[in-house]
Protein backbone atom coordinates (compact mmCIF):
# COMPACT_ATOMS: atom_id res chain seq x y z
CA MET A 1 0.00 0.00 0.00
CA GLU A 2 1.49 3.35 -1.06
CA PRO A 3 2.03 5.77 1.84
CA ASP A 4 0.53 8.75 0.00
CA LYS A 5 -2.56 6.79 -0.97
CA LEU A 6 -3.03 5.55 2.59
CA ILE A 7 -2.71 9.07 3.99
CA GLN A 8 -5.19 10.39 1.45
CA ALA A 9 -7.65 7.56 2.12
CA PHE A 10 -7.42 8.01 5.88
CA THR A 11 -7.95 11.76 5.52
CA GLN A 12 -11.06 11.18 3.39
CA VAL A 13 -12.47 8.74 5.96
CA VAL A 14 -11.83 11.18 8.81
CA ARG A 15 -13.40 14.00 6.82
CA ASN A 16 -16.42 12.19 5.37
CA GLN A 17 -17.14 9.07 7.42
CA ASP A 18 -17.00 10.09 11.06
CA TYR A 19 -19.63 7.47 11.87
CA VAL A 20 -16.99 4.71 11.60
CA PHE A 21 -15.13 6.13 14.61
CA SER A 22 -16.32 4.51 17.81
CA PRO A 23 -16.08 6.37 21.13
CA VAL A 24 -12.99 4.27 21.89
CA ALA A 25 -11.36 5.34 18.61
CA ILE A 26 -12.22 8.98 19.32
CA ALA A 27 -10.65 8.67 22.76
CA ALA A 28 -7.45 7.37 21.13
CA ILE A 29 -7.10 10.29 18.69
CA PRO A 30 -4.91 12.40 21.03
CA GLU A 31 -2.39 9.55 21.18
CA LEU A 32 -2.32 9.35 17.38
CA LEU A 33 -1.97 13.13 17.07
CA LYS A 34 0.98 13.10 19.47
CA GLU A 35 2.70 10.43 17.41
CA LEU A 36 1.96 12.20 14.13
CA ASP A 37 3.37 15.46 15.52
CA GLN A 38 6.67 13.69 16.11
CA LEU A 39 6.69 12.34 12.54
CA GLU A 40 5.76 15.55 10.76
CA ASN A 41 9.21 16.03 9.21
CA GLN A 42 9.82 12.35 8.56
CA PRO A 43 9.30 10.46 5.28
CA SER A 44 5.69 9.77 4.33
CA ASP A 45 6.12 6.02 4.79
CA LEU A 46 6.73 6.50 8.55
CA PHE A 47 3.74 8.83 8.81
CA ALA A 48 1.55 6.34 6.94
CA GLN A 49 2.84 3.46 9.05
CA ALA A 50 1.81 5.27 12.24
CA ILE A 51 -1.67 5.85 10.83
CA ARG A 52 -1.94 2.21 9.74
CA GLN A 53 -0.84 0.90 13.13
CA TRP A 54 -3.44 3.11 14.79
CA TYR A 55 -6.42 2.25 12.62
CA LEU A 56 -5.74 -1.50 12.69
CA GLU A 57 -7.08 -1.38 16.25
CA TYR A 58 -10.47 -0.11 15.01
CA GLU A 59 -12.13 -2.49 12.56
CA ASP A 60 -14.72 -0.06 11.18
CA VAL A 61 -12.08 2.60 10.53
CA ARG A 62 -9.75 0.04 8.95
CA ASP A 63 -12.45 -1.24 6.62
CA ALA A 64 -13.46 2.28 5.59
CA VAL A 65 -9.84 3.22 4.82
CA LEU A 66 -9.30 0.09 2.74
CA ILE A 67 -12.46 0.77 0.73
CA GLU A 68 -11.47 4.41 0.27
CA GLU A 69 -8.03 3.34 -0.96
CA ARG A 70 -9.61 1.14 -3.61
CA GLU A 71 -11.76 4.06 -4.75
CA ILE A 72 -8.71 6.33 -4.94
CA GLU A 73 -6.91 3.73 -7.04
CA LYS A 74 -9.86 3.53 -9.44
CA VAL A 75 -9.85 7.31 -9.85
CA ARG A 76 -6.08 7.42 -10.34
CA LYS A 77 -6.27 4.79 -13.05
CA SER A 78 -8.97 6.67 -14.90
CA LYS A 79 -7.45 10.13 -14.29
CA PRO A 80 -3.72 9.73 -13.58
CA GLU A 81 -3.05 13.47 -13.71
CA ILE A 82 -4.97 14.08 -10.48
CA GLN A 83 -2.60 14.67 -7.59
CA GLU A 84 -3.28 15.41 -3.93
CA ASN A 85 -1.66 18.17 -1.85
CA THR A 86 2.05 18.25 -1.18
CA GLN A 87 3.36 15.91 1.49
CA GLU A 88 3.77 18.70 4.04
CA ASN A 89 0.22 19.91 3.51
CA ARG A 90 -1.12 16.36 3.84
CA TYR A 91 0.44 16.00 7.26
CA ARG A 92 -1.23 19.19 8.42
CA VAL A 93 -4.55 18.24 6.80
CA VAL A 94 -4.59 14.84 8.55
CA GLN A 95 -3.87 16.44 11.90
CA ASP A 96 -6.43 19.23 11.41
CA GLU A 97 -9.13 16.82 10.28
CA LEU A 98 -8.48 14.51 13.26
CA LYS A 99 -8.80 17.45 15.65
CA LYS A 100 -12.06 18.54 14.01
CA LEU A 101 -13.41 14.99 14.22
CA GLN A 102 -12.46 14.70 17.87
CA ASP A 103 -14.04 18.07 18.69
CA ARG A 104 -17.21 17.21 16.77
CA LYS A 105 -17.63 13.78 18.36
CA THR A 106 -16.73 14.99 21.83
CA SER A 107 -19.23 17.85 21.71
CA ASN A 108 -21.93 15.51 20.31
CA SER A 109 -21.45 13.00 23.13
CA GLN A 110 -21.60 15.75 25.74
CA THR A 111 -24.77 17.17 24.17
CA ASN A 112 -26.43 13.73 24.21
CA GLN A 113 -25.78 13.14 27.91
CA PRO A 114 -28.69 13.69 30.33
């Protein structure tokens, strides 16, 4: 699995499929963010590996990322000129989207409490 494709797929899942993140996965986002912060200036394969290791713990997230990767591959084959953001921007986008997801889910769970 290509690191850039994995990062893009994970970002799309975080952005568009927040329902696959269980409360346990949401609670683990700060740990992932801390690890990703340390890898921000590292090669994309290390960044992608950290994401992969994290989502393997959460079956619904894992499945959604794998499906999203297949969709990205289909699009790339039909339109190979399409490219995602630069590597540096992707790192920031992943981190920003994870923070938004965590904030959204945390505020929803607090709103739903009696």
